[in-house]
Amino acid sequence: MKPVSNSTVTRVNYSEAVAQRFSWRGLYIPNYVWLVMIMVAALAISVSTAIRSREQARNAQLSYNQTAERVSQMQVENKRIRERIKQLREDPRAGELAAREQLNYLRPNEVAVKLKAQ
């Protein structure tokens, strides 16, 4: 009798064939190596995150310092303007001088001479 492909004579144990095909006989990696690789990856991620957050904190501090400087400059400018307003309200000569400078007002009997710039 001739053996057929489905007979018991030609049966193949597929679990052994799959195990042999996918076995990495020379590439066995011990468990401690896997653990070290995971720990190194976690360390790299945490270090990169710390570096990035430190850079962001430095940029935020720089922006804060610039804003604080501008605020202090504006406070000085506001104080100067308040003093000027107070002076204009209280001193009539200061008001007259401001009107003459800004609005080009003249007193009676004054003559304005315009000079050409060369």
Protein backbone atom coordinates (compact mmCIF):
# COMPACT_ATOMS: atom_id res chain seq x y z
CA MET A 1 0.00 0.00 0.00
CA LYS A 2 1.17 3.39 -0.93
CA PRO A 3 1.43 6.11 1.80
CA VAL A 4 -0.84 9.06 1.20
CA SER A 5 -0.18 12.62 2.31
CA ASN A 6 -2.74 12.44 5.12
CA SER A 7 -1.59 9.14 6.49
CA THR A 8 0.07 8.67 9.87
CA VAL A 9 3.37 7.95 8.20
CA THR A 10 3.83 11.49 6.82
CA ARG A 11 2.48 13.46 9.76
CA VAL A 12 4.64 16.33 10.95
CA ASN A 13 4.70 17.67 14.46
CA TYR A 14 4.07 21.36 13.72
CA SER A 15 4.83 22.61 17.22
CA GLU A 16 8.40 21.30 16.93
CA ALA A 17 8.81 22.77 13.44
CA VAL A 18 7.63 26.20 14.56
CA ALA A 19 9.83 26.06 17.65
CA GLN A 20 12.86 25.14 15.52
CA ARG A 21 12.17 27.83 12.96
CA PHE A 22 11.79 30.64 15.55
CA SER A 23 14.35 29.53 18.08
CA TRP A 24 17.34 31.79 18.48
CA ARG A 25 19.83 29.29 19.67
CA GLY A 26 22.80 31.64 19.76
CA LEU A 27 20.87 34.78 20.77
CA TYR A 28 19.61 33.94 24.22
CA ILE A 29 19.49 37.19 26.24
CA PRO A 30 19.47 36.80 30.01
CA ASN A 31 16.78 38.48 32.08
CA TYR A 32 19.18 40.87 33.81
CA VAL A 33 20.20 42.27 30.40
CA TRP A 34 16.56 43.03 29.59
CA LEU A 35 16.20 44.72 32.98
CA VAL A 36 19.30 46.83 32.41
CA MET A 37 18.07 47.86 28.95
CA ILE A 38 14.72 48.96 30.39
CA MET A 39 16.43 50.87 33.19
CA VAL A 40 18.77 52.63 30.74
CA ALA A 41 15.81 53.62 28.54
CA ALA A 42 13.89 54.97 31.54
CA LEU A 43 16.98 56.90 32.67
CA ALA A 44 17.43 58.41 29.20
CA ILE A 45 13.80 59.51 29.08
CA SER A 46 13.96 61.05 32.55
CA VAL A 47 17.23 62.88 31.80
CA SER A 48 15.87 64.33 28.55
CA THR A 49 12.71 65.44 30.35
CA ALA A 50 14.74 67.10 33.10
CA ILE A 51 16.93 68.91 30.57
CA ARG A 52 13.88 70.13 28.65
CA SER A 53 12.10 71.33 31.80
CA ARG A 54 15.26 73.13 32.99
CA GLU A 55 15.49 74.92 29.63
CA GLN A 56 11.84 75.93 29.82
CA ALA A 57 12.33 77.23 33.38
CA ARG A 58 15.34 79.26 32.25
CA ASN A 59 13.35 80.76 29.37
CA ALA A 60 10.47 81.59 31.71
CA GLN A 61 12.85 83.28 34.17
CA LEU A 62 14.42 85.30 31.36
CA SER A 63 10.99 86.40 30.14
CA TYR A 64 9.97 87.32 33.69
CA ASN A 65 13.13 89.42 34.16
CA GLN A 66 12.52 91.27 30.89
CA THR A 67 8.91 91.96 31.85
CA ALA A 68 9.90 93.14 35.33
CA GLU A 69 12.45 95.50 33.78
CA ARG A 70 9.83 96.96 31.44
CA VAL A 71 7.37 97.35 34.33
CA SER A 72 9.94 99.26 36.39
CA GLN A 73 10.71 101.52 33.40
CA MET A 74 7.01 102.22 32.92
CA GLN A 75 6.60 103.00 36.63
CA VAL A 76 9.39 105.57 36.42
CA GLU A 77 7.80 107.05 33.29
CA ASN A 78 4.37 107.18 35.00
CA LYS A 79 5.88 108.95 38.00
CA ARG A 80 7.52 111.53 35.72
CA ILE A 81 4.24 112.13 33.88
CA ARG A 82 2.30 112.50 37.16
CA GLU A 83 4.81 115.10 38.36
CA ARG A 84 4.52 116.96 35.06
CA ILE A 85 0.70 116.96 35.27
CA LYS A 86 0.81 118.18 38.87
CA GLN A 87 3.20 120.96 37.85
CA LEU A 88 0.97 122.00 34.92
CA ARG A 89 -2.12 122.15 37.17
CA GLU A 90 -0.49 124.12 39.98
CA ASP A 91 1.91 126.48 38.19
CA PRO A 92 0.38 128.82 35.56
CA ARG A 93 3.80 129.62 34.10
CA ALA A 94 4.43 125.92 33.46
CA GLY A 95 1.11 125.71 31.59
CA GLU A 96 2.03 128.73 29.53
CA LEU A 97 5.46 127.32 28.73
CA ALA A 98 3.97 123.96 27.71
CA ALA A 99 1.42 125.69 25.42
CA ARG A 100 4.15 127.76 23.82
CA GLU A 101 6.38 124.76 23.18
CA GLN A 102 3.81 122.22 22.03
CA LEU A 103 1.22 124.41 20.30
CA ASN A 104 3.57 127.14 19.06
CA TYR A 105 1.62 129.87 20.83
CA LEU A 106 3.02 133.39 20.98
CA ARG A 107 2.51 136.21 23.45
CA PRO A 108 1.06 139.42 22.20
CA ASN A 109 3.70 141.64 20.54
CA GLU A 110 5.99 138.63 19.87
CA VAL A 111 7.30 137.84 16.41
CA ALA A 112 8.19 134.34 15.28
CA VAL A 113 11.02 133.90 12.79
CA LYS A 114 11.29 130.64 10.90
CA LEU A 115 14.82 129.66 9.94
CA LYS A 116 15.66 127.38 7.06
CA ALA A 117 17.84 124.43 7.87
CA GLN A 118 20.76 124.04 5.50
